[in-house]
Protein backbone atom coordinates (compact mmCIF):
# COMPACT_ATOMS: atom_id res chain seq x y z
CA MET A 1 4.62 -189.38 70.38
CA LYS A 2 1.34 -187.88 71.44
CA LYS A 3 -1.48 -188.90 73.77
CA ILE A 4 -4.70 -189.31 71.81
CA SER A 5 -8.02 -190.08 73.47
CA PHE A 6 -11.19 -191.47 71.91
CA THR A 7 -14.02 -193.87 72.69
CA ILE A 8 -13.91 -197.26 70.99
CA ASN A 9 -16.76 -199.73 71.30
CA GLU A 10 -18.21 -197.62 74.14
CA LYS A 11 -14.92 -197.69 76.13
CA PRO A 12 -12.69 -194.64 76.62
CA GLN A 13 -9.12 -195.18 75.44
CA THR A 14 -5.95 -193.13 75.49
CA VAL A 15 -2.95 -194.16 73.43
CA ASN A 16 0.53 -192.69 73.28
CA VAL A 17 1.51 -192.98 69.64
CA GLU A 18 2.95 -191.16 66.65
CA GLU A 19 -0.03 -189.08 65.53
CA ASN A 20 0.17 -190.08 61.86
CA THR A 21 -0.01 -193.80 62.63
CA PRO A 22 -2.93 -195.36 60.76
CA LEU A 23 -5.83 -195.98 63.13
CA LEU A 24 -5.92 -199.59 61.87
CA TRP A 25 -2.59 -200.35 63.56
CA VAL A 26 -3.66 -198.71 66.81
CA ILE A 27 -6.85 -200.82 66.80
CA ARG A 28 -5.10 -204.09 65.95
CA ASP A 29 -1.68 -203.77 67.59
CA MET A 30 -2.25 -201.51 70.59
CA LEU A 31 -5.86 -202.29 71.50
CA ASN A 32 -5.71 -205.94 70.38
CA LEU A 33 -9.00 -205.77 68.44
CA LYS A 34 -8.22 -208.16 65.61
CA GLY A 35 -11.58 -208.14 63.77
CA THR A 36 -10.61 -205.13 61.67
CA LYS A 37 -8.43 -206.49 58.88
CA PHE A 38 -5.54 -205.15 56.82
CA GLY A 39 -6.12 -205.57 53.10
CA CYS A 40 -4.47 -203.17 50.69
CA GLY A 41 -3.19 -200.33 52.87
CA LYS A 42 -4.47 -197.81 50.31
CA ALA A 43 -8.15 -197.40 51.35
CA ALA A 44 -9.26 -199.30 48.25
CA CYS A 45 -10.45 -202.73 49.40
CA GLY A 46 -12.43 -201.90 52.55
CA ALA A 47 -11.24 -204.79 54.74
CA CYS A 48 -10.32 -202.21 57.40
CA THR A 49 -13.71 -200.43 57.47
CA ILE A 50 -14.82 -199.16 60.86
CA HIS A 51 -17.23 -196.44 62.02
CA VAL A 52 -16.05 -193.04 63.17
CA GLU A 53 -18.96 -191.00 64.49
CA GLY A 54 -21.27 -193.39 62.62
CA ASN A 55 -19.56 -192.98 59.25
CA ALA A 56 -17.83 -195.86 57.50
CA ILE A 57 -14.14 -195.05 57.09
CA ARG A 58 -11.10 -196.99 55.89
CA SER A 59 -8.90 -197.16 58.97
CA CYS A 60 -5.71 -198.06 57.06
CA SER A 61 -5.48 -194.51 55.73
CA TYR A 62 -7.03 -192.62 58.65
CA ALA A 63 -4.36 -191.13 60.91
CA VAL A 64 -5.02 -191.72 64.60
CA LYS A 65 -4.76 -187.96 65.26
CA PHE A 66 -8.14 -187.56 63.53
CA ALA A 67 -9.73 -189.92 66.07
CA GLU A 68 -9.15 -187.50 68.95
CA GLY A 69 -12.38 -187.13 70.93
CA LYS A 70 -14.41 -189.26 68.52
CA LYS A 71 -16.66 -192.28 68.93
CA ILE A 72 -15.29 -195.30 67.06
CA THR A 73 -16.95 -198.67 66.50
CA THR A 74 -15.22 -201.80 65.23
CA ILE A 75 -16.81 -205.13 64.31
CA GLU A 76 -16.30 -206.20 67.94
CA GLY A 77 -18.57 -203.35 69.06
CA LEU A 78 -21.28 -203.78 66.44
CA SER A 79 -23.29 -206.30 68.47
CA GLU A 80 -24.75 -205.60 71.89
CA GLY A 81 -23.42 -208.30 74.17
CA ASP A 82 -24.71 -211.66 72.98
CA ASN A 83 -27.28 -209.97 70.72
CA LEU A 84 -25.95 -209.81 67.19
CA HIS A 85 -26.44 -206.68 65.12
CA PRO A 86 -29.11 -207.30 62.43
CA VAL A 87 -26.40 -207.15 59.74
CA GLN A 88 -24.39 -209.86 61.51
CA GLN A 89 -27.54 -211.99 61.83
CA ALA A 90 -28.37 -211.52 58.14
CA TRP A 91 -24.80 -212.53 57.20
CA ILE A 92 -25.31 -215.81 59.09
CA GLU A 93 -28.77 -216.47 57.68
CA GLU A 94 -27.66 -215.88 54.08
CA ILE A 95 -24.41 -217.84 54.61
CA VAL A 96 -22.47 -214.90 53.17
CA PRO A 97 -18.82 -215.61 54.06
CA GLN A 98 -16.62 -217.93 52.10
CA CYS A 99 -13.10 -217.33 53.41
CA GLY A 100 -14.49 -214.54 55.62
CA TYR A 101 -11.42 -212.29 55.70
CA CYS A 102 -13.11 -209.22 54.22
CA GLN A 103 -16.49 -209.73 55.86
CA PRO A 104 -16.01 -207.51 58.96
CA GLY A 105 -15.35 -204.58 56.63
CA PHE A 106 -18.42 -205.39 54.54
CA MET A 107 -20.61 -205.68 57.65
CA MET A 108 -19.36 -202.33 58.96
CA ALA A 109 -19.95 -200.64 55.59
CA THR A 110 -23.42 -202.20 55.42
CA ALA A 111 -24.38 -201.15 58.95
CA ALA A 112 -23.39 -197.56 58.15
CA LEU A 113 -25.39 -197.67 54.90
CA LEU A 114 -28.50 -199.03 56.64
CA ASP A 115 -28.30 -196.31 59.29
CA LYS A 116 -28.58 -193.75 56.50
CA ILE A 117 -30.78 -195.66 54.02
CA PRO A 118 -32.84 -198.29 55.90
CA ASN A 119 -34.29 -199.86 52.72
CA PRO A 120 -31.58 -199.49 50.07
CA THR A 121 -32.15 -200.21 46.42
CA ASP A 122 -29.65 -202.22 44.40
CA GLU A 123 -28.33 -198.88 43.11
CA ASP A 124 -27.86 -197.62 46.70
CA ILE A 125 -25.93 -200.79 47.51
CA ASP A 126 -23.79 -200.48 44.37
CA ASN A 127 -23.00 -196.83 45.15
CA ASN A 128 -22.20 -197.33 48.83
CA ILE A 129 -20.80 -200.83 49.35
CA ILE A 130 -17.62 -200.63 47.31
CA ASN A 131 -15.48 -203.04 49.31
CA VAL A 132 -13.69 -205.90 47.54
CA CYS A 133 -14.26 -209.62 48.13
CA ARG A 134 -11.82 -211.97 46.40
CA CYS A 135 -14.22 -214.89 46.94
CA ALA A 136 -16.96 -212.92 45.10
CA THR A 137 -19.76 -213.47 47.60
CA TYR A 138 -21.48 -210.31 46.36
CA TYR A 139 -24.76 -212.04 45.47
CA ARG A 140 -25.18 -213.41 49.01
CA MET A 141 -24.14 -210.05 50.49
CA ARG A 142 -26.77 -208.26 48.45
CA LYS A 143 -29.41 -210.73 49.70
CA ALA A 144 -28.27 -210.17 53.28
CA ILE A 145 -28.36 -206.38 52.88
CA HIS A 146 -31.93 -206.52 51.56
């Protein structure tokens, strides 16, 4: 067990945990932030996408030891109080979710993309938003991203 400190959603946190524990389980089970979802456990589907230092990462395969001293944002920290992040607002306006399970990961991946490429082309979206949605709401997501 090791004490690991980081900032999550603008709040400092210290956890005492096995250092190779996936950050996803620290977020969900220790910090009780349930918006980040478990999907495949192999960094393939993207349901567990969060931001570490502004970069979209798959938290199911990111050991908590790598979070030491870093700034982390989950879907719960994407908005500012009652003011939704523009990606969250676009998701509502375009009625993107169907079942909704994977959508936090898609929104986090999209927010990271838009920070780097504010007006992405379809090719930019295809190259950067590689999460998986079993309900196939990709068309509505693309509209929301634009």
